[in-house]
């Protein structure tokens, strides 16, 4: 049981970028403003801007 919890925690961490779920971010970025995205994912506005910049590359 302990190994499965560790594995799950690592998988959750691996799927997040800048402390947010990348796939959810992609789905919502077209419908929401940067400020709304920052509130939704609990990160700073600067983190949202950095992630959008990384995606455009």
N, C-alpha and C. Protein backbone atom coordinates (compact mmCIF):
# COMPACT_ATOMS: atom_id res chain seq x y z
N UNK A 1 0.83 -1.19 0.00
CA UNK A 1 0.00 0.00 0.00
C UNK A 1 0.87 1.25 0.00
N UNK A 2 1.95 1.21 0.73
CA UNK A 2 2.78 2.38 0.83
C UNK A 2 3.41 2.73 -0.53
N UNK A 3 3.86 1.71 -1.25
CA UNK A 3 4.46 1.98 -2.56
C UNK A 3 3.44 2.57 -3.52
N UNK A 4 2.23 2.10 -3.45
CA UNK A 4 1.23 2.64 -4.37
C UNK A 4 0.94 4.11 -4.08
N UNK A 5 0.97 4.51 -2.83
CA UNK A 5 0.77 5.92 -2.50
C UNK A 5 1.93 6.77 -3.00
N UNK A 6 3.15 6.24 -2.86
CA UNK A 6 4.32 6.97 -3.36
C UNK A 6 4.26 7.12 -4.87
N UNK A 7 3.91 6.05 -5.53
CA UNK A 7 3.82 6.08 -6.99
C UNK A 7 2.76 7.07 -7.44
N UNK A 8 1.63 7.06 -6.78
CA UNK A 8 0.55 7.98 -7.13
C UNK A 8 0.99 9.43 -6.92
N UNK A 9 1.68 9.69 -5.84
CA UNK A 9 2.15 11.05 -5.56
C UNK A 9 3.15 11.50 -6.62
N UNK A 10 4.03 10.60 -7.04
CA UNK A 10 5.00 10.95 -8.09
C UNK A 10 4.31 11.21 -9.42
N UNK A 11 3.31 10.42 -9.73
CA UNK A 11 2.58 10.62 -10.98
C UNK A 11 1.83 11.94 -10.97
N UNK A 12 1.26 12.31 -9.85
CA UNK A 12 0.56 13.59 -9.74
C UNK A 12 1.52 14.75 -9.92
N UNK A 13 2.70 14.62 -9.33
CA UNK A 13 3.70 15.67 -9.43
C UNK A 13 4.23 15.78 -10.85
N UNK A 14 4.38 14.63 -11.52
CA UNK A 14 4.92 14.63 -12.88
C UNK A 14 3.94 15.25 -13.87
N UNK A 15 2.65 15.14 -13.62
CA UNK A 15 1.67 15.68 -14.56
C UNK A 15 1.41 17.17 -14.34
N UNK A 16 2.00 17.74 -13.33
CA UNK A 16 1.78 19.17 -13.10
C UNK A 16 3.00 19.97 -13.51
N UNK A 17 2.75 21.16 -13.94
CA UNK A 17 3.80 22.06 -14.36
C UNK A 17 3.50 23.41 -13.75
N UNK A 18 4.46 24.01 -13.11
CA UNK A 18 4.26 25.26 -12.38
C UNK A 18 3.19 25.09 -11.30
N UNK A 19 3.04 23.88 -10.78
CA UNK A 19 2.08 23.64 -9.71
C UNK A 19 0.64 23.51 -10.18
N UNK A 20 0.42 23.31 -11.47
CA UNK A 20 -0.94 23.16 -11.98
C UNK A 20 -0.98 22.02 -12.99
N UNK A 21 -2.14 21.47 -13.20
CA UNK A 21 -2.31 20.39 -14.15
C UNK A 21 -2.27 20.95 -15.57
N UNK A 22 -1.31 20.49 -16.35
CA UNK A 22 -1.07 21.02 -17.68
C UNK A 22 -2.28 20.82 -18.60
N UNK A 23 -2.88 19.65 -18.56
CA UNK A 23 -4.00 19.35 -19.46
C UNK A 23 -5.22 20.22 -19.14
N UNK A 24 -5.49 20.41 -17.86
CA UNK A 24 -6.61 21.29 -17.50
C UNK A 24 -6.32 22.73 -17.93
N UNK A 25 -5.07 23.13 -17.81
CA UNK A 25 -4.68 24.48 -18.20
C UNK A 25 -4.93 24.69 -19.69
N UNK A 26 -4.53 23.73 -20.51
CA UNK A 26 -4.72 23.83 -21.96
C UNK A 26 -6.20 23.94 -22.31
N UNK A 27 -7.03 23.15 -21.63
CA UNK A 27 -8.46 23.17 -21.90
C UNK A 27 -9.09 24.52 -21.54
N UNK A 28 -8.63 25.12 -20.46
CA UNK A 28 -9.28 26.33 -19.95
C UNK A 28 -8.65 27.63 -20.42
N UNK A 29 -7.45 27.59 -20.99
CA UNK A 29 -6.76 28.84 -21.32
C UNK A 29 -7.48 29.65 -22.39
N UNK A 30 -8.23 29.01 -23.25
CA UNK A 30 -8.94 29.74 -24.31
C UNK A 30 -10.23 30.38 -23.82
N UNK A 31 -10.75 29.89 -22.70
CA UNK A 31 -12.03 30.39 -22.20
C UNK A 31 -11.89 31.39 -21.06
N UNK A 32 -10.69 31.49 -20.47
CA UNK A 32 -10.53 32.32 -19.28
C UNK A 32 -9.38 33.31 -19.46
N UNK A 33 -9.43 34.39 -18.70
CA UNK A 33 -8.34 35.36 -18.71
C UNK A 33 -7.20 34.84 -17.85
N UNK A 34 -6.04 35.49 -17.94
CA UNK A 34 -4.89 35.09 -17.13
C UNK A 34 -5.21 35.17 -15.64
N UNK A 35 -5.91 36.22 -15.27
CA UNK A 35 -6.26 36.41 -13.86
C UNK A 35 -7.17 35.27 -13.37
N UNK A 36 -8.15 34.91 -14.19
CA UNK A 36 -9.06 33.82 -13.82
C UNK A 36 -8.33 32.49 -13.74
N UNK A 37 -7.38 32.27 -14.65
CA UNK A 37 -6.58 31.03 -14.61
C UNK A 37 -5.74 30.96 -13.34
N UNK A 38 -5.15 32.09 -12.98
CA UNK A 38 -4.34 32.13 -11.76
C UNK A 38 -5.18 31.80 -10.53
N UNK A 39 -6.38 32.35 -10.47
CA UNK A 39 -7.28 32.05 -9.35
C UNK A 39 -7.72 30.59 -9.36
N UNK A 40 -8.04 30.08 -10.54
CA UNK A 40 -8.54 28.71 -10.68
C UNK A 40 -7.51 27.68 -10.21
N UNK A 41 -6.24 27.89 -10.58
CA UNK A 41 -5.20 26.92 -10.26
C UNK A 41 -4.41 27.27 -9.00
N UNK A 42 -4.69 28.40 -8.41
CA UNK A 42 -4.03 28.76 -7.16
C UNK A 42 -2.57 29.10 -7.33
N UNK A 43 -2.24 29.73 -8.44
CA UNK A 43 -0.86 30.14 -8.69
C UNK A 43 -0.84 31.65 -8.95
N UNK A 44 0.36 32.17 -9.09
CA UNK A 44 0.48 33.60 -9.34
C UNK A 44 0.20 33.91 -10.80
N UNK A 45 -0.09 35.15 -11.06
CA UNK A 45 -0.31 35.61 -12.42
C UNK A 45 0.96 35.44 -13.25
N UNK A 46 2.09 35.62 -12.62
CA UNK A 46 3.38 35.45 -13.30
C UNK A 46 3.58 34.00 -13.76
N UNK A 47 3.16 33.03 -12.95
CA UNK A 47 3.28 31.62 -13.32
C UNK A 47 2.41 31.30 -14.54
N UNK A 48 1.24 31.90 -14.62
CA UNK A 48 0.36 31.71 -15.78
C UNK A 48 1.02 32.29 -17.02
N UNK A 49 1.59 33.46 -16.90
CA UNK A 49 2.24 34.10 -18.04
C UNK A 49 3.45 33.28 -18.51
N UNK A 50 4.23 32.75 -17.57
CA UNK A 50 5.39 31.92 -17.92
C UNK A 50 4.96 30.65 -18.64
N UNK A 51 3.91 30.03 -18.16
CA UNK A 51 3.44 28.80 -18.78
C UNK A 51 2.92 29.07 -20.19
N UNK A 52 2.18 30.15 -20.38
CA UNK A 52 1.69 30.50 -21.71
C UNK A 52 2.86 30.77 -22.65
N UNK A 53 3.89 31.42 -22.14
CA UNK A 53 5.08 31.69 -22.94
C UNK A 53 5.78 30.38 -23.33
N UNK A 54 5.87 29.44 -22.40
CA UNK A 54 6.49 28.15 -22.67
C UNK A 54 5.69 27.36 -23.70
N UNK A 55 4.38 27.46 -23.66
CA UNK A 55 3.53 26.73 -24.60
C UNK A 55 3.72 27.26 -26.01
N UNK A 56 3.89 28.57 -26.15
CA UNK A 56 4.02 29.18 -27.48
C UNK A 56 5.32 28.79 -28.16
N UNK A 57 6.32 28.38 -27.42
CA UNK A 57 7.61 28.01 -28.02
C UNK A 57 7.51 26.79 -28.80
